[in-house]
Amino acid sequence: MAALGYTLQLPTEDKFLRDEAELRGQIAILLGGRSAEEIVFFKK
């Protein structure tokens, strides 16, 4: 069974506080993975 939209990023170091740029970058990476699956697996 596949896990669609699942992206795992292991932290290089433990961080509890992140700035806005880091959060936006992480969101962009996660949404990009989901978009790629949409294109590859669900194109009509």
PDB file of N, CA and C in Angstrom:
ATOM      1  N   MET A   1       0.847  -1.175   0.000  1.00  0.00           N
ATOM      2  CA  MET A   1       0.000   0.000   0.000  1.00  0.00           C
ATOM      3  C   MET A   1       0.895   1.242   0.000  1.00  0.00           C
ATOM      4  N   ALA A   2       0.598   2.175  -0.889  1.00  0.00           N
ATOM      5  CA  ALA A   2       1.412   3.383  -1.024  1.00  0.00           C
ATOM      6  C   ALA A   2       0.927   4.479  -0.087  1.00  0.00           C
ATOM      7  N   ALA A   3       1.849   5.331   0.305  1.00  0.00           N
ATOM      8  CA  ALA A   3       1.517   6.493   1.134  1.00  0.00           C
ATOM      9  C   ALA A   3       1.621   7.723   0.246  1.00  0.00           C
ATOM     10  N   LEU A   4       0.511   8.141  -0.319  1.00  0.00           N
ATOM     11  CA  LEU A   4       0.528   9.272  -1.238  1.00  0.00           C
ATOM     12  C   LEU A   4       0.717  10.581  -0.487  1.00  0.00           C
ATOM     13  N   GLY A   5       1.584  11.432  -1.001  1.00  0.00           N
ATOM     14  CA  GLY A   5       1.815  12.730  -0.404  1.00  0.00           C
ATOM     15  C   GLY A   5       2.701  12.714   0.828  1.00  0.00           C
ATOM     16  N   TYR A   6       3.401  11.608   1.056  1.00  0.00           N
ATOM     17  CA  TYR A   6       4.227  11.490   2.255  1.00  0.00           C
ATOM     18  C   TYR A   6       5.652  11.914   1.937  1.00  0.00           C
ATOM     19  N   THR A   7       6.145  12.904   2.648  1.00  0.00           N
ATOM     20  CA  THR A   7       7.517  13.367   2.489  1.00  0.00           C
ATOM     21  C   THR A   7       8.167  13.405   3.864  1.00  0.00           C
ATOM     22  N   LEU A   8       9.337  12.805   3.982  1.00  0.00           N
ATOM     23  CA  LEU A   8      10.037  12.768   5.260  1.00  0.00           C
ATOM     24  C   LEU A   8      11.361  13.502   5.118  1.00  0.00           C
ATOM     25  N   GLN A   9      11.583  14.452   6.005  1.00  0.00           N
ATOM     26  CA  GLN A   9      12.857  15.163   6.031  1.00  0.00           C
ATOM     27  C   GLN A   9      13.449  14.999   7.422  1.00  0.00           C
ATOM     28  N   LEU A  10      14.616  14.415   7.470  1.00  0.00           N
ATOM     29  CA  LEU A  10      15.294  14.256   8.745  1.00  0.00           C
ATOM     30  C   LEU A  10      16.070  15.533   9.059  1.00  0.00           C
ATOM     31  N   PRO A  11      15.927  16.056  10.252  1.00  0.00           N
ATOM     32  CA  PRO A  11      16.657  17.284  10.587  1.00  0.00           C
ATOM     33  C   PRO A  11      18.153  17.011  10.724  1.00  0.00           C
ATOM     34  N   THR A  12      18.942  17.988  10.301  1.00  0.00           N
ATOM     35  CA  THR A  12      20.386  17.846  10.460  1.00  0.00           C
ATOM     36  C   THR A  12      20.798  18.151  11.897  1.00  0.00           C
ATOM     37  N   GLU A  13      19.958  18.879  12.598  1.00  0.00           N
ATOM     38  CA  GLU A  13      20.200  19.188  14.004  1.00  0.00           C
ATOM     39  C   GLU A  13      18.855  19.466  14.670  1.00  0.00           C
ATOM     40  N   ASP A  14      18.797  19.311  15.954  1.00  0.00           N
ATOM     41  CA  ASP A  14      17.556  19.587  16.666  1.00  0.00           C
ATOM     42  C   ASP A  14      17.330  21.093  16.726  1.00  0.00           C
ATOM     43  N   LYS A  15      16.172  21.527  16.223  1.00  0.00           N
ATOM     44  CA  LYS A  15      15.834  22.940  16.261  1.00  0.00           C
ATOM     45  C   LYS A  15      14.403  23.077  16.740  1.00  0.00           C
ATOM     46  N   PHE A  16      14.201  23.929  17.693  1.00  0.00           N
ATOM     47  CA  PHE A  16      12.864  24.164  18.211  1.00  0.00           C
ATOM     48  C   PHE A  16      12.289  25.479  17.697  1.00  0.00           C
ATOM     49  N   LEU A  17      13.163  26.378  17.293  1.00  0.00           N
ATOM     50  CA  LEU A  17      12.720  27.664  16.771  1.00  0.00           C
ATOM     51  C   LEU A  17      13.206  27.810  15.342  1.00  0.00           C
ATOM     52  N   ARG A  18      12.315  28.200  14.464  1.00  0.00           N
ATOM     53  CA  ARG A  18      12.670  28.419  13.063  1.00  0.00           C
ATOM     54  C   ARG A  18      12.169  29.805  12.655  1.00  0.00           C
ATOM     55  N   ASP A  19      12.897  30.423  11.742  1.00  0.00           N
ATOM     56  CA  ASP A  19      12.430  31.731  11.280  1.00  0.00           C
ATOM     57  C   ASP A  19      11.455  31.551  10.109  1.00  0.00           C
ATOM     58  N   GLU A  20      10.853  32.637   9.699  1.00  0.00           N
ATOM     59  CA  GLU A  20       9.806  32.572   8.677  1.00  0.00           C
ATOM     60  C   GLU A  20      10.323  32.004   7.358  1.00  0.00           C
ATOM     61  N   ALA A  21      11.529  32.370   6.967  1.00  0.00           N
ATOM     62  CA  ALA A  21      12.088  31.883   5.699  1.00  0.00           C
ATOM     63  C   ALA A  21      12.251  30.364   5.718  1.00  0.00           C
ATOM     64  N   GLU A  22      12.708  29.809   6.845  1.00  0.00           N
ATOM     65  CA  GLU A  22      12.859  28.356   6.952  1.00  0.00           C
ATOM     66  C   GLU A  22      11.508  27.647   6.880  1.00  0.00           C
ATOM     67  N   LEU A  23      10.513  28.204   7.541  1.00  0.00           N
ATOM     68  CA  LEU A  23       9.180  27.606   7.509  1.00  0.00           C
ATOM     69  C   LEU A  23       8.588  27.659   6.109  1.00  0.00           C
ATOM     70  N   ARG A  24       8.722  28.788   5.441  1.00  0.00           N
ATOM     71  CA  ARG A  24       8.197  28.900   4.074  1.00  0.00           C
ATOM     72  C   ARG A  24       8.913  27.936   3.135  1.00  0.00           C
ATOM     73  N   GLY A  25      10.209  27.787   3.294  1.00  0.00           N
ATOM     74  CA  GLY A  25      10.970  26.848   2.469  1.00  0.00           C
ATOM     75  C   GLY A  25      10.527  25.413   2.684  1.00  0.00           C
ATOM     76  N   GLN A  26      10.306  25.038   3.930  1.00  0.00           N
ATOM     77  CA  GLN A  26       9.867  23.683   4.234  1.00  0.00           C
ATOM     78  C   GLN A  26       8.472  23.417   3.659  1.00  0.00           C
ATOM     79  N   ILE A  27       7.578  24.390   3.773  1.00  0.00           N
ATOM     80  CA  ILE A  27       6.234  24.248   3.205  1.00  0.00           C
ATOM     81  C   ILE A  27       6.327  24.089   1.688  1.00  0.00           C
ATOM     82  N   ALA A  28       7.170  24.868   1.038  1.00  0.00           N
ATOM     83  CA  ALA A  28       7.319  24.784  -0.416  1.00  0.00           C
ATOM     84  C   ALA A  28       7.820  23.402  -0.843  1.00  0.00           C
ATOM     85  N   ILE A  29       8.760  22.848  -0.105  1.00  0.00           N
ATOM     86  CA  ILE A  29       9.287  21.521  -0.416  1.00  0.00           C
ATOM     87  C   ILE A  29       8.198  20.463  -0.276  1.00  0.00           C
ATOM     88  N   LEU A  30       7.443  20.519   0.807  1.00  0.00           N
ATOM     89  CA  LEU A  30       6.396  19.527   1.044  1.00  0.00           C
ATOM     90  C   LEU A  30       5.294  19.617  -0.005  1.00  0.00           C
ATOM     91  N   LEU A  31       4.869  20.827  -0.346  1.00  0.00           N
ATOM     92  CA  LEU A  31       3.832  20.991  -1.360  1.00  0.00           C
ATOM     93  C   LEU A  31       4.351  20.615  -2.749  1.00  0.00           C
ATOM     94  N   GLY A  32       5.631  20.843  -2.999  1.00  0.00           N
ATOM     95  CA  GLY A  32       6.216  20.461  -4.286  1.00  0.00           C
ATOM     96  C   GLY A  32       6.199  18.959  -4.483  1.00  0.00           C
ATOM     97  N   GLY A  33       6.470  18.201  -3.426  1.00  0.00           N
ATOM     98  CA  GLY A  33       6.410  16.744  -3.510  1.00  0.00           C
ATOM     99  C   GLY A  33       5.011  16.257  -3.828  1.00  0.00           C
ATOM    100  N   ARG A  34       4.033  16.861  -3.198  1.00  0.00           N
ATOM    101  CA  ARG A  34       2.637  16.487  -3.454  1.00  0.00           C
ATOM    102  C   ARG A  34       2.239  16.842  -4.875  1.00  0.00           C
ATOM    103  N   SER A  35       2.659  17.991  -5.354  1.00  0.00           N
ATOM    104  CA  SER A  35       2.346  18.405  -6.725  1.00  0.00           C
ATOM    105  C   SER A  35       2.987  17.464  -7.746  1.00  0.00           C
ATOM    106  N   ALA A  36       4.214  17.036  -7.486  1.00  0.00           N
ATOM    107  CA  ALA A  36       4.885  16.102  -8.388  1.00  0.00           C
ATOM    108  C   ALA A  36       4.123  14.782  -8.471  1.00  0.00           C
ATOM    109  N   GLU A  37       3.635  14.274  -7.346  1.00  0.00           N
ATOM    110  CA  GLU A  37       2.842  13.047  -7.369  1.00  0.00           C
ATOM    111  C   GLU A  37       1.567  13.247  -8.165  1.00  0.00           C
ATOM    112  N   GLU A  38       0.970  14.401  -8.021  1.00  0.00           N
ATOM    113  CA  GLU A  38      -0.260  14.716  -8.756  1.00  0.00           C
ATOM    114  C   GLU A  38       0.009  14.643 -10.263  1.00  0.00           C
ATOM    115  N   ILE A  39       1.131  15.176 -10.704  1.00  0.00           N
ATOM    116  CA  ILE A  39       1.481  15.188 -12.124  1.00  0.00           C
ATOM    117  C   ILE A  39       1.812  13.779 -12.620  1.00  0.00           C
ATOM    118  N   VAL A  40       2.612  13.041 -11.865  1.00  0.00           N
ATOM    119  CA  VAL A  40       3.098  11.727 -12.313  1.00  0.00           C
ATOM    120  C   VAL A  40       2.005  10.660 -12.231  1.00  0.00           C
ATOM    121  N   PHE A  41       1.268  10.613 -11.142  1.00  0.00           N
ATOM    122  CA  PHE A  41       0.355   9.500 -10.914  1.00  0.00           C
ATOM    123  C   PHE A  41      -1.093   9.768 -11.298  1.00  0.00           C
ATOM    124  N   PHE A  42      -1.499  11.026 -11.384  1.00  0.00           N
ATOM    125  CA  PHE A  42      -2.910  11.313 -11.593  1.00  0.00           C
ATOM    126  C   PHE A  42      -3.184  12.161 -12.827  1.00  0.00           C
ATOM    127  N   LYS A  43      -2.224  12.230 -13.748  1.00  0.00           N
ATOM    128  CA  LYS A  43      -2.480  13.055 -14.932  1.00  0.00           C
ATOM    129  C   LYS A  43      -3.543  12.371 -15.798  1.00  0.00           C
ATOM    130  N   LYS A  44      -4.369  13.190 -16.393  1.00  0.00           N
ATOM    131  CA  LYS A  44      -5.497  12.657 -17.171  1.00  0.00           C
ATOM    132  C   LYS A  44      -5.286  12.837 -18.644  1.00  0.00           C
TER     133      LYS A  44
END
